[in-house]
N, C-alpha and C. Protein backbone atom coordinates (compact mmCIF):
# COMPACT_ATOMS: atom_id res chain seq x y z
N UNK A 1 122.46 131.65 94.73
CA UNK A 1 121.26 131.36 93.94
C UNK A 1 121.54 131.70 92.49
N UNK A 2 121.04 130.88 91.59
CA UNK A 2 121.03 131.16 90.16
C UNK A 2 120.03 132.28 89.95
N UNK A 3 120.43 133.37 89.32
CA UNK A 3 119.54 134.52 89.14
C UNK A 3 118.56 134.35 88.00
N UNK A 4 118.57 133.21 87.33
CA UNK A 4 117.66 133.00 86.22
C UNK A 4 116.22 132.96 86.70
N UNK A 5 115.35 133.77 86.10
CA UNK A 5 113.94 133.75 86.50
C UNK A 5 113.17 132.59 85.87
N UNK A 6 113.83 131.83 85.00
CA UNK A 6 113.19 130.74 84.27
C UNK A 6 112.71 129.65 85.23
N UNK A 7 111.42 129.29 85.18
CA UNK A 7 110.92 128.24 86.07
C UNK A 7 111.66 126.91 85.92
N UNK A 8 112.09 126.58 84.71
CA UNK A 8 112.80 125.31 84.53
C UNK A 8 114.14 125.32 85.27
N UNK A 9 114.79 126.46 85.34
CA UNK A 9 116.04 126.57 86.11
C UNK A 9 115.77 126.34 87.60
N UNK A 10 114.65 126.86 88.09
CA UNK A 10 114.29 126.62 89.49
C UNK A 10 114.12 125.13 89.75
N UNK A 11 113.41 124.45 88.88
CA UNK A 11 113.18 123.01 89.06
C UNK A 11 114.50 122.25 89.07
N UNK A 12 115.41 122.62 88.19
CA UNK A 12 116.73 121.98 88.13
C UNK A 12 117.49 122.21 89.44
N UNK A 13 117.49 123.46 89.93
CA UNK A 13 118.17 123.78 91.19
C UNK A 13 117.54 123.04 92.36
N UNK A 14 116.21 122.97 92.38
CA UNK A 14 115.52 122.31 93.48
C UNK A 14 115.84 120.82 93.52
N UNK A 15 115.84 120.16 92.37
CA UNK A 15 116.18 118.74 92.33
C UNK A 15 117.63 118.52 92.75
N UNK A 16 118.54 119.38 92.29
CA UNK A 16 119.95 119.23 92.65
C UNK A 16 120.15 119.43 94.15
N UNK A 17 119.51 120.44 94.73
CA UNK A 17 119.63 120.68 96.18
C UNK A 17 119.05 119.51 96.98
N UNK A 18 117.94 118.96 96.49
CA UNK A 18 117.34 117.81 97.17
C UNK A 18 118.30 116.63 97.14
N UNK A 19 118.86 116.33 95.98
CA UNK A 19 119.74 115.18 95.86
C UNK A 19 121.06 115.37 96.60
N UNK A 20 121.48 116.61 96.79
CA UNK A 20 122.70 116.90 97.56
C UNK A 20 122.41 116.99 99.06
N UNK A 21 121.13 116.94 99.42
CA UNK A 21 120.69 117.13 100.81
C UNK A 21 121.23 118.45 101.35
N UNK A 22 121.23 119.47 100.49
CA UNK A 22 121.70 120.80 100.85
C UNK A 22 120.49 121.64 101.26
N UNK A 23 120.21 121.64 102.55
CA UNK A 23 119.00 122.28 103.07
C UNK A 23 118.98 123.77 102.76
N UNK A 24 120.11 124.46 102.91
CA UNK A 24 120.14 125.91 102.64
C UNK A 24 119.86 126.20 101.16
N UNK A 25 120.47 125.42 100.27
CA UNK A 25 120.23 125.62 98.83
C UNK A 25 118.79 125.31 98.48
N UNK A 26 118.23 124.30 99.11
CA UNK A 26 116.84 123.94 98.85
C UNK A 26 115.91 125.07 99.29
N UNK A 27 116.08 125.55 100.50
CA UNK A 27 115.22 126.62 101.02
C UNK A 27 115.38 127.89 100.18
N UNK A 28 116.59 128.11 99.63
CA UNK A 28 116.82 129.29 98.80
C UNK A 28 116.02 129.25 97.50
N UNK A 29 115.44 128.11 97.18
CA UNK A 29 114.59 127.99 95.98
C UNK A 29 113.19 128.57 96.20
N UNK A 30 112.88 128.96 97.44
CA UNK A 30 111.53 129.40 97.79
C UNK A 30 111.54 130.84 98.30
N UNK A 31 110.54 131.62 97.87
CA UNK A 31 110.36 132.97 98.39
C UNK A 31 110.02 132.90 99.87
N UNK A 32 110.37 133.94 100.60
CA UNK A 32 110.09 133.96 102.05
C UNK A 32 108.61 133.76 102.34
N UNK A 33 107.74 134.32 101.48
CA UNK A 33 106.29 134.22 101.70
C UNK A 33 105.65 133.15 100.81
N UNK A 34 106.43 132.15 100.43
CA UNK A 34 105.97 131.03 99.60
C UNK A 34 104.66 130.46 100.15
N UNK A 35 103.73 130.16 99.24
CA UNK A 35 102.45 129.54 99.59
C UNK A 35 102.40 128.15 99.01
N UNK A 36 102.25 127.14 99.87
CA UNK A 36 102.11 125.75 99.44
C UNK A 36 100.67 125.33 99.66
N UNK A 37 99.97 125.05 98.57
CA UNK A 37 98.59 124.57 98.65
C UNK A 37 98.60 123.07 98.40
N UNK A 38 97.93 122.33 99.26
CA UNK A 38 97.84 120.88 99.13
C UNK A 38 96.35 120.54 99.00
N UNK A 39 95.80 120.62 97.78
CA UNK A 39 94.36 120.50 97.60
C UNK A 39 93.75 119.20 98.12
N UNK A 40 94.47 118.08 98.03
CA UNK A 40 93.91 116.82 98.50
C UNK A 40 93.97 116.70 100.03
N UNK A 41 94.78 117.53 100.66
CA UNK A 41 94.95 117.51 102.12
C UNK A 41 95.06 118.96 102.60
N UNK A 42 93.98 119.73 102.57
CA UNK A 42 94.05 121.16 102.83
C UNK A 42 94.71 121.54 104.16
N UNK A 43 94.57 120.71 105.17
CA UNK A 43 95.17 121.02 106.47
C UNK A 43 96.69 121.04 106.40
N UNK A 44 97.28 120.43 105.37
CA UNK A 44 98.73 120.39 105.21
C UNK A 44 99.28 121.58 104.43
N UNK A 45 98.40 122.45 103.94
CA UNK A 45 98.85 123.66 103.25
C UNK A 45 99.55 124.58 104.25
N UNK A 46 100.46 125.42 103.74
CA UNK A 46 101.19 126.31 104.64
C UNK A 46 101.76 127.49 103.86
N UNK A 47 102.26 128.47 104.61
CA UNK A 47 102.91 129.64 104.04
C UNK A 47 104.27 129.80 104.70
N UNK A 48 105.29 130.11 103.89
CA UNK A 48 106.59 130.48 104.41
C UNK A 48 107.71 129.51 104.14
N UNK A 49 108.87 130.06 103.81
CA UNK A 49 110.05 129.25 103.55
C UNK A 49 110.55 128.55 104.80
N UNK A 50 110.26 129.09 105.98
CA UNK A 50 110.70 128.43 107.21
C UNK A 50 110.00 127.09 107.41
N UNK A 51 108.75 126.98 106.98
CA UNK A 51 108.07 125.68 107.04
C UNK A 51 108.68 124.72 106.03
N UNK A 52 109.09 125.23 104.87
CA UNK A 52 109.83 124.40 103.90
C UNK A 52 111.07 123.83 104.59
N UNK A 53 111.81 124.67 105.30
CA UNK A 53 113.02 124.22 106.00
C UNK A 53 112.68 123.12 107.02
N UNK A 54 111.66 123.34 107.83
CA UNK A 54 111.30 122.33 108.85
C UNK A 54 110.90 121.02 108.19
N UNK A 55 110.10 121.10 107.13
CA UNK A 55 109.66 119.87 106.44
C UNK A 55 110.84 119.09 105.90
N UNK A 56 111.73 119.78 105.16
CA UNK A 56 112.84 119.10 104.51
C UNK A 56 113.91 118.64 105.49
N UNK A 57 114.08 119.35 106.60
CA UNK A 57 115.01 118.87 107.63
C UNK A 57 114.53 117.52 108.15
N UNK A 58 113.23 117.38 108.36
CA UNK A 58 112.66 116.09 108.81
C UNK A 58 112.84 115.01 107.75
N UNK A 59 112.59 115.36 106.50
CA UNK A 59 112.72 114.37 105.42
C UNK A 59 114.17 113.90 105.27
N UNK A 60 115.12 114.82 105.28
CA UNK A 60 116.53 114.44 105.15
C UNK A 60 116.98 113.59 106.34
N UNK A 61 116.51 113.92 107.53
CA UNK A 61 116.89 113.14 108.72
C UNK A 61 116.25 111.76 108.71
N UNK A 62 115.01 111.67 108.28
CA UNK A 62 114.28 110.41 108.32
C UNK A 62 114.51 109.49 107.15
N UNK A 63 114.98 110.06 106.02
CA UNK A 63 115.24 109.28 104.80
C UNK A 63 116.64 109.68 104.31
N UNK A 64 117.69 109.11 104.92
CA UNK A 64 119.04 109.59 104.66
C UNK A 64 119.52 109.44 103.22
N UNK A 65 118.90 108.55 102.46
CA UNK A 65 119.31 108.37 101.05
C UNK A 65 118.26 108.91 100.08
N UNK A 66 117.47 109.85 100.55
CA UNK A 66 116.40 110.42 99.73
C UNK A 66 116.95 110.94 98.40
N UNK A 67 116.28 110.57 97.32
CA UNK A 67 116.65 111.01 95.96
C UNK A 67 115.41 111.54 95.27
N UNK A 68 115.59 112.60 94.49
CA UNK A 68 114.51 113.18 93.71
C UNK A 68 114.80 113.01 92.24
N UNK A 69 113.78 112.67 91.51
CA UNK A 69 113.87 112.56 90.06
C UNK A 69 112.72 113.35 89.47
N UNK A 70 113.04 114.29 88.59
CA UNK A 70 112.00 115.04 87.89
C UNK A 70 111.72 114.27 86.60
N UNK A 71 110.53 113.70 86.51
CA UNK A 71 110.16 112.86 85.37
C UNK A 71 109.78 113.67 84.15
N UNK A 72 109.16 114.82 84.37
CA UNK A 72 108.80 115.69 83.24
C UNK A 72 108.51 117.09 83.76
N UNK A 73 108.68 118.05 82.85
CA UNK A 73 108.44 119.45 83.17
C UNK A 73 107.81 120.12 81.95
N UNK A 74 106.80 120.93 82.19
CA UNK A 74 106.21 121.76 81.14
C UNK A 74 106.11 123.17 81.71
N UNK A 75 106.59 124.15 80.94
CA UNK A 75 106.62 125.53 81.42
C UNK A 75 105.69 126.38 80.56
N UNK A 76 104.90 127.21 81.23
CA UNK A 76 104.03 128.17 80.57
C UNK A 76 104.20 129.50 81.30
N UNK A 77 105.00 130.38 80.75
CA UNK A 77 105.26 131.66 81.41
C UNK A 77 105.99 131.44 82.72
N UNK A 78 105.39 131.89 83.80
CA UNK A 78 106.00 131.79 85.13
C UNK A 78 105.61 130.51 85.86
N UNK A 79 104.91 129.60 85.17
CA UNK A 79 104.41 128.38 85.81
C UNK A 79 105.12 127.16 85.26
N UNK A 80 105.56 126.29 86.17
CA UNK A 80 106.18 125.02 85.78
C UNK A 80 105.33 123.88 86.33
N UNK A 81 104.86 123.03 85.43
CA UNK A 81 104.14 121.80 85.78
C UNK A 81 105.20 120.72 85.84
N UNK A 82 105.37 120.09 86.99
CA UNK A 82 106.44 119.13 87.16
C UNK A 82 105.91 117.81 87.72
N UNK A 83 106.49 116.72 87.23
CA UNK A 83 106.16 115.39 87.75
C UNK A 83 107.40 114.86 88.46
N UNK A 84 107.24 114.42 89.70
CA UNK A 84 108.36 114.03 90.55
C UNK A 84 108.24 112.58 91.03
N UNK A 85 109.40 112.02 91.34
CA UNK A 85 109.48 110.76 92.08
C UNK A 85 110.53 110.97 93.17
N UNK A 86 110.14 110.75 94.41
CA UNK A 86 111.06 110.81 95.55
C UNK A 86 111.17 109.41 96.12
N UNK A 87 112.40 108.94 96.28
CA UNK A 87 112.59 107.58 96.77
C UNK A 87 113.73 107.54 97.77
N UNK A 88 113.72 106.51 98.59
CA UNK A 88 114.77 106.31 99.56
C UNK A 88 114.36 105.25 100.56
N UNK A 89 115.13 105.16 101.61
CA UNK A 89 114.88 104.18 102.66
C UNK A 89 114.81 104.92 103.99
N UNK A 90 113.71 104.73 104.71
CA UNK A 90 113.55 105.36 106.01
C UNK A 90 114.52 104.74 107.01
N UNK A 91 114.74 105.41 108.09
CA UNK A 91 115.67 104.92 109.12
C UNK A 91 115.26 103.56 109.68
N UNK A 92 113.98 103.24 109.63
CA UNK A 92 113.53 101.93 110.12
C UNK A 92 113.72 100.83 109.10
N UNK A 93 114.32 101.16 107.94
CA UNK A 93 114.60 100.18 106.89
C UNK A 93 113.50 100.04 105.86
N UNK A 94 112.38 100.68 106.06
CA UNK A 94 111.26 100.58 105.12
C UNK A 94 111.51 101.48 103.90
N UNK A 95 111.18 100.98 102.72
CA UNK A 95 111.33 101.83 101.53
C UNK A 95 110.31 102.96 101.56
N UNK A 96 110.71 104.09 101.01
CA UNK A 96 109.82 105.25 100.89
C UNK A 96 109.77 105.64 99.42
N UNK A 97 108.58 105.75 98.86
CA UNK A 97 108.40 106.13 97.47
C UNK A 97 107.20 107.04 97.36
N UNK A 98 107.42 108.20 96.77
CA UNK A 98 106.34 109.15 96.53
C UNK A 98 106.41 109.57 95.07
N UNK A 99 105.24 109.76 94.48
CA UNK A 99 105.16 110.25 93.10
C UNK A 99 104.01 111.24 93.00
N UNK A 100 104.16 112.16 92.07
CA UNK A 100 103.07 113.09 91.85
C UNK A 100 103.51 114.33 91.12
N UNK A 101 102.63 115.30 91.14
CA UNK A 101 102.79 116.53 90.39
C UNK A 101 102.88 117.71 91.36
N UNK A 102 103.78 118.63 91.04
CA UNK A 102 103.85 119.91 91.74
C UNK A 102 103.81 121.00 90.67
N UNK A 103 102.91 121.94 90.85
CA UNK A 103 102.76 123.06 89.92
C UNK A 103 103.30 124.30 90.61
N UNK A 104 104.46 124.77 90.15
CA UNK A 104 105.13 125.92 90.76
C UNK A 104 104.83 127.20 89.99
N UNK A 105 104.64 128.28 90.72
CA UNK A 105 104.67 129.63 90.15
C UNK A 105 105.99 130.24 90.62
N UNK A 106 106.71 130.86 89.68
CA UNK A 106 108.07 131.32 89.94
C UNK A 106 108.20 132.80 89.63
N UNK A 107 108.89 133.51 90.51
CA UNK A 107 109.23 134.92 90.28
C UNK A 107 110.64 135.14 90.81
N UNK A 108 111.44 135.85 90.03
CA UNK A 108 112.80 136.19 90.42
C UNK A 108 113.60 134.96 90.86
N UNK A 109 113.38 133.84 90.17
CA UNK A 109 114.17 132.65 90.41
C UNK A 109 113.76 131.81 91.61
N UNK A 110 112.66 132.17 92.26
CA UNK A 110 112.20 131.42 93.43
C UNK A 110 110.73 131.04 93.27
N UNK A 111 110.39 129.92 93.88
CA UNK A 111 108.98 129.51 93.90
C UNK A 111 108.22 130.44 94.84
N UNK A 112 107.16 131.04 94.32
CA UNK A 112 106.30 131.88 95.15
C UNK A 112 105.08 131.12 95.63
N UNK A 113 104.72 130.07 94.87
CA UNK A 113 103.60 129.23 95.29
C UNK A 113 103.71 127.89 94.58
N UNK A 114 102.97 126.92 95.12
CA UNK A 114 102.89 125.61 94.49
C UNK A 114 101.57 124.96 94.87
N UNK A 115 101.07 124.18 93.94
CA UNK A 115 99.95 123.27 94.20
C UNK A 115 100.59 121.89 94.21
N UNK A 116 100.51 121.23 95.35
CA UNK A 116 101.31 120.06 95.67
C UNK A 116 100.43 118.81 95.65
N UNK A 117 100.73 117.90 94.72
CA UNK A 117 99.97 116.66 94.57
C UNK A 117 100.89 115.45 94.66
N UNK A 118 101.86 115.48 95.54
CA UNK A 118 102.81 114.39 95.71
C UNK A 118 102.30 113.49 96.82
N UNK A 119 102.21 112.18 96.55
CA UNK A 119 101.62 111.23 97.49
C UNK A 119 102.49 109.99 97.62
N UNK A 120 102.44 109.33 98.77
CA UNK A 120 103.11 108.02 98.89
C UNK A 120 102.50 107.03 97.90
N UNK A 121 103.37 106.22 97.30
CA UNK A 121 102.91 105.20 96.36
C UNK A 121 102.38 104.01 97.16
N UNK A 122 101.22 103.55 96.77
CA UNK A 122 100.59 102.39 97.39
C UNK A 122 100.83 101.19 96.47
N UNK A 123 101.83 100.37 96.80
CA UNK A 123 102.18 99.24 95.94
C UNK A 123 101.16 98.11 96.04
N UNK A 124 100.62 97.92 97.21
CA UNK A 124 99.57 96.91 97.41
C UNK A 124 98.29 97.67 97.71
N UNK A 125 97.22 97.18 97.20
CA UNK A 125 95.96 97.86 97.46
C UNK A 125 94.92 97.39 96.48
N UNK A 126 93.80 98.07 96.47
CA UNK A 126 92.71 97.65 95.60
C UNK A 126 93.06 97.85 94.13
N UNK A 127 92.47 96.98 93.28
CA UNK A 127 92.64 97.18 91.83
C UNK A 127 91.69 98.31 91.40
N UNK A 128 91.66 98.60 90.11
CA UNK A 128 90.87 99.73 89.61
C UNK A 128 89.39 99.60 89.94
N UNK A 129 88.82 98.39 89.78
CA UNK A 129 87.40 98.19 90.08
C UNK A 129 87.10 98.42 91.55
N UNK A 130 87.94 97.86 92.41
CA UNK A 130 87.72 98.00 93.85
C UNK A 130 87.92 99.44 94.30
N UNK A 131 88.89 100.12 93.72
CA UNK A 131 89.13 101.52 94.08
C UNK A 131 87.93 102.39 93.68
N UNK A 132 87.40 102.17 92.47
CA UNK A 132 86.23 102.94 92.04
C UNK A 132 85.02 102.64 92.93
N UNK A 133 84.85 101.37 93.28
CA UNK A 133 83.74 101.00 94.15
C UNK A 133 83.89 101.65 95.52
N UNK A 134 85.11 101.71 96.02
CA UNK A 134 85.35 102.32 97.34
C UNK A 134 85.00 103.81 97.30
N UNK A 135 85.39 104.48 96.24
CA UNK A 135 85.07 105.91 96.12
C UNK A 135 83.56 106.10 95.99
N UNK A 136 82.93 105.28 95.16
CA UNK A 136 81.48 105.41 94.96
C UNK A 136 80.70 105.11 96.23
N UNK A 137 81.16 104.15 97.01
CA UNK A 137 80.46 103.77 98.24
C UNK A 137 80.63 104.80 99.33
N UNK A 138 81.72 105.55 99.25
CA UNK A 138 81.98 106.53 100.30
C UNK A 138 80.98 107.67 100.26
N UNK A 139 80.43 107.94 99.08
CA UNK A 139 79.47 109.02 98.95
C UNK A 139 80.14 110.37 99.03
N UNK A 140 79.41 111.40 98.72
CA UNK A 140 80.00 112.74 98.74
C UNK A 140 80.31 113.17 100.17
N UNK A 141 81.39 113.89 100.30
CA UNK A 141 81.78 114.44 101.59
C UNK A 141 81.55 115.94 101.54
N UNK A 142 80.92 116.47 102.56
CA UNK A 142 80.70 117.92 102.55
C UNK A 142 82.03 118.66 102.62
N UNK A 143 82.08 119.76 101.91
CA UNK A 143 83.28 120.60 101.94
C UNK A 143 83.35 121.29 103.30
N UNK A 144 84.56 121.45 103.83
CA UNK A 144 84.68 122.14 105.11
C UNK A 144 84.23 123.59 104.97
N UNK A 145 83.64 124.10 105.99
CA UNK A 145 83.17 125.50 106.00
C UNK A 145 84.30 126.40 106.45
N UNK A 146 84.49 127.52 105.75
CA UNK A 146 85.56 128.46 106.17
C UNK A 146 85.28 129.09 107.50
């Protein structure tokens, strides 16, 4: 592991490990008690580097040519705001493309938490007017009760 506590160094290491499909190096980018919050899909939130390992093992197996590109990074203290693009081809031949933002909190060179907003890209779908109408028609959804 690079001992640099700098969040930008973590992002660089994470992208390199992803592109090398080096699962051990990738998992080493995360603290053992790492917290991943997925605000748009709360049920997908999790804690622990072992879940990171399970997730990425599936991704590397299912998308053998998976590539990560960090489009931009902004660092404020221990926090790195990052914009990502993940692309590749699934084993069934279908293209896979995800884009979004991940906000990492970093300590001692490892991610201790992240707010994860990475989503599959929808190439076909409603235009802006139809998308707004769909959201407006759906009405408010009650927040889940703890």
